[in-house]
Amino acid sequence: MAYDEALAQRIRDLLASVPGITDKRMFGGLAFLTDGNLTVALMGDDLMVRVGRDAAEQALTAPGARPCDIGGRLMRGWVLVDGAVLDDDVLDAWVGRARAFVSTLPPK
């Protein structure tokens, strides 16, 4: 599966000043990791966002958000956000939300 290169660059720009960020091809897309913890990933034109199990239900109420299903397996603690809703402010908010959750995890 290809991913949206323009969206990837927008995420790189958002995370450019954040220490510990790497990107890596995963899930047929491109993943961004913080200190080794998967934070967000691009799946085609959509954004896979790590919000944590406690926040997933509330996150699904946001426009464009749906359960993250990879190959028939539900990814608990993750949501998939439709790329069509990812204007700059929305993208920034989702990436910030993922970063906030991942900051609670120990580095790998």
C-alpha atoms as a PDB file:
ATOM      1  CA  MET A   1       0.000   0.000   0.000  1.00  0.00           C
ATOM      2  CA  ALA A   2       1.357   3.389  -0.924  1.00  0.00           C
ATOM      3  CA  TYR A   3       1.022   6.368   1.366  1.00  0.00           C
ATOM      4  CA  ASP A   4       0.425  10.059   0.785  1.00  0.00           C
ATOM      5  CA  GLU A   5       3.898  11.604   0.389  1.00  0.00           C
ATOM      6  CA  ALA A   6       2.569  15.145   0.917  1.00  0.00           C
ATOM      7  CA  LEU A   7       0.962  14.096   4.209  1.00  0.00           C
ATOM      8  CA  ALA A   8       4.210  12.396   5.229  1.00  0.00           C
ATOM      9  CA  GLN A   9       6.095  15.638   4.644  1.00  0.00           C
ATOM     10  CA  ARG A  10       3.529  17.623   6.635  1.00  0.00           C
ATOM     11  CA  ILE A  11       4.052  15.247   9.559  1.00  0.00           C
ATOM     12  CA  ARG A  12       7.836  15.463   9.205  1.00  0.00           C
ATOM     13  CA  ASP A  13       7.529  19.252   9.348  1.00  0.00           C
ATOM     14  CA  LEU A  14       5.368  19.033  12.495  1.00  0.00           C
ATOM     15  CA  LEU A  15       7.837  16.718  14.206  1.00  0.00           C
ATOM     16  CA  ALA A  16      11.091  18.252  12.955  1.00  0.00           C
ATOM     17  CA  SER A  17      11.983  19.857  16.283  1.00  0.00           C
ATOM     18  CA  VAL A  18      10.913  16.903  18.444  1.00  0.00           C
ATOM     19  CA  PRO A  19      13.829  14.836  19.774  1.00  0.00           C
ATOM     20  CA  GLY A  20      13.710  11.059  19.395  1.00  0.00           C
ATOM     21  CA  ILE A  21      11.503  10.969  16.262  1.00  0.00           C
ATOM     22  CA  THR A  22      12.251   8.437  13.541  1.00  0.00           C
ATOM     23  CA  ASP A  23      10.239   7.212  10.602  1.00  0.00           C
ATOM     24  CA  LYS A  24      10.099   3.695   9.266  1.00  0.00           C
ATOM     25  CA  ARG A  25       8.126   1.753   6.677  1.00  0.00           C
ATOM     26  CA  MET A  26       5.536  -0.390   8.475  1.00  0.00           C
ATOM     27  CA  PHE A  27       2.057  -1.787   7.788  1.00  0.00           C
ATOM     28  CA  GLY A  28       2.556  -1.060   4.093  1.00  0.00           C
ATOM     29  CA  GLY A  29       2.792   2.638   4.958  1.00  0.00           C
ATOM     30  CA  LEU A  30       5.072   4.954   6.888  1.00  0.00           C
ATOM     31  CA  ALA A  31       5.254   5.024  10.683  1.00  0.00           C
ATOM     32  CA  PHE A  32       6.616   7.746  12.956  1.00  0.00           C
ATOM     33  CA  LEU A  33       8.126   6.606  16.241  1.00  0.00           C
ATOM     34  CA  THR A  34       9.009   8.564  19.351  1.00  0.00           C
ATOM     35  CA  ASP A  35      11.921   7.014  21.261  1.00  0.00           C
ATOM     36  CA  GLY A  36      11.035   3.708  19.597  1.00  0.00           C
ATOM     37  CA  ASN A  37       7.289   3.858  20.373  1.00  0.00           C
ATOM     38  CA  LEU A  38       4.937   3.877  17.407  1.00  0.00           C
ATOM     39  CA  THR A  39       3.110   7.221  17.510  1.00  0.00           C
ATOM     40  CA  VAL A  40       1.320   7.778  14.183  1.00  0.00           C
ATOM     41  CA  ALA A  41       1.417   6.022  10.817  1.00  0.00           C
ATOM     42  CA  LEU A  42       0.253   6.707   7.299  1.00  0.00           C
ATOM     43  CA  MET A  43      -1.992   4.087   5.740  1.00  0.00           C
ATOM     44  CA  GLY A  44      -2.720   5.211   2.200  1.00  0.00           C
ATOM     45  CA  ASP A  45      -4.283   8.659   2.584  1.00  0.00           C
ATOM     46  CA  ASP A  46      -5.335   8.053   6.197  1.00  0.00           C
ATOM     47  CA  LEU A  47      -3.602   8.630   9.518  1.00  0.00           C
ATOM     48  CA  MET A  48      -3.340   5.903  12.139  1.00  0.00           C
ATOM     49  CA  VAL A  49      -3.163   7.599  15.546  1.00  0.00           C
ATOM     50  CA  ARG A  50      -2.133   6.081  18.871  1.00  0.00           C
ATOM     51  CA  VAL A  51      -4.434   7.495  21.532  1.00  0.00           C
ATOM     52  CA  GLY A  52      -4.363   4.725  24.160  1.00  0.00           C
ATOM     53  CA  ARG A  53      -7.149   2.374  25.187  1.00  0.00           C
ATOM     54  CA  ASP A  54      -8.686   4.773  27.709  1.00  0.00           C
ATOM     55  CA  ALA A  55      -9.094   7.547  25.123  1.00  0.00           C
ATOM     56  CA  ALA A  56     -10.037   5.506  22.058  1.00  0.00           C
ATOM     57  CA  GLU A  57     -13.810   5.592  22.510  1.00  0.00           C
ATOM     58  CA  GLN A  58     -13.863   9.372  22.877  1.00  0.00           C
ATOM     59  CA  ALA A  59     -11.448   9.779  19.942  1.00  0.00           C
ATOM     60  CA  LEU A  60     -13.877   7.877  17.707  1.00  0.00           C
ATOM     61  CA  THR A  61     -16.426  10.693  18.107  1.00  0.00           C
ATOM     62  CA  ALA A  62     -14.184  13.097  16.134  1.00  0.00           C
ATOM     63  CA  PRO A  63     -15.030  13.788  12.477  1.00  0.00           C
ATOM     64  CA  GLY A  64     -13.359  11.294  10.141  1.00  0.00           C
ATOM     65  CA  ALA A  65     -12.249   8.937  12.929  1.00  0.00           C
ATOM     66  CA  ARG A  66     -13.037   5.225  12.778  1.00  0.00           C
ATOM     67  CA  PRO A  67     -11.781   2.064  14.467  1.00  0.00           C
ATOM     68  CA  CYS A  68      -8.354   0.989  13.300  1.00  0.00           C
ATOM     69  CA  ASP A  69      -8.655  -2.424  11.685  1.00  0.00           C
ATOM     70  CA  ILE A  70      -5.493  -3.905  10.196  1.00  0.00           C
ATOM     71  CA  GLY A  71      -6.090  -7.059   8.212  1.00  0.00           C
ATOM     72  CA  GLY A  72      -9.240  -7.903  10.153  1.00  0.00           C
ATOM     73  CA  ARG A  73      -7.593  -7.284  13.522  1.00  0.00           C
ATOM     74  CA  LEU A  74      -8.869  -4.400  15.640  1.00  0.00           C
ATOM     75  CA  MET A  75      -5.995  -2.282  16.961  1.00  0.00           C
ATOM     76  CA  ARG A  76      -7.130  -1.273  20.450  1.00  0.00           C
ATOM     77  CA  GLY A  77      -5.943   2.139  21.532  1.00  0.00           C
ATOM     78  CA  TRP A  78      -5.668   3.340  17.952  1.00  0.00           C
ATOM     79  CA  VAL A  79      -7.970   5.209  15.573  1.00  0.00           C
ATOM     80  CA  LEU A  80      -7.777   5.703  11.841  1.00  0.00           C
ATOM     81  CA  VAL A  81      -8.510   9.244  10.652  1.00  0.00           C
ATOM     82  CA  ASP A  82      -9.719   9.877   7.125  1.00  0.00           C
ATOM     83  CA  GLY A  83      -7.148  11.895   5.202  1.00  0.00           C
ATOM     84  CA  ALA A  84      -9.880  14.136   3.789  1.00  0.00           C
ATOM     85  CA  VAL A  85     -10.380  15.813   7.191  1.00  0.00           C
ATOM     86  CA  LEU A  86      -6.678  16.397   7.885  1.00  0.00           C
ATOM     87  CA  ASP A  87      -6.301  20.116   7.329  1.00  0.00           C
ATOM     88  CA  ASP A  88      -3.320  21.651   9.139  1.00  0.00           C
ATOM     89  CA  ASP A  89      -5.109  22.312  12.438  1.00  0.00           C
ATOM     90  CA  VAL A  90      -6.737  18.871  12.568  1.00  0.00           C
ATOM     91  CA  LEU A  91      -3.475  17.122  11.687  1.00  0.00           C
ATOM     92  CA  ASP A  92      -1.623  19.104  14.335  1.00  0.00           C
ATOM     93  CA  ALA A  93      -4.244  18.163  16.935  1.00  0.00           C
ATOM     94  CA  TRP A  94      -4.121  14.429  16.129  1.00  0.00           C
ATOM     95  CA  VAL A  95      -0.322  14.317  16.106  1.00  0.00           C
ATOM     96  CA  GLY A  96      -0.281  16.265  19.387  1.00  0.00           C
ATOM     97  CA  ARG A  97      -2.758  13.842  20.906  1.00  0.00           C
ATOM     98  CA  ALA A  98      -0.615  10.863  19.871  1.00  0.00           C
ATOM     99  CA  ARG A  99       2.548  12.523  21.171  1.00  0.00           C
ATOM    100  CA  ALA A 100       0.867  13.233  24.512  1.00  0.00           C
ATOM    101  CA  PHE A 101      -0.087   9.582  24.937  1.00  0.00           C
ATOM    102  CA  VAL A 102       3.267   8.212  23.792  1.00  0.00           C
ATOM    103  CA  SER A 103       5.072  10.559  26.195  1.00  0.00           C
ATOM    104  CA  THR A 104       3.604   8.441  29.016  1.00  0.00           C
ATOM    105  CA  LEU A 105       5.386   5.327  27.718  1.00  0.00           C
ATOM    106  CA  PRO A 106       8.964   4.328  28.526  1.00  0.00           C
ATOM    107  CA  PRO A 107      11.480   4.591  25.657  1.00  0.00           C
ATOM    108  CA  LYS A 108      12.264   1.352  23.824  1.00  0.00           C
END
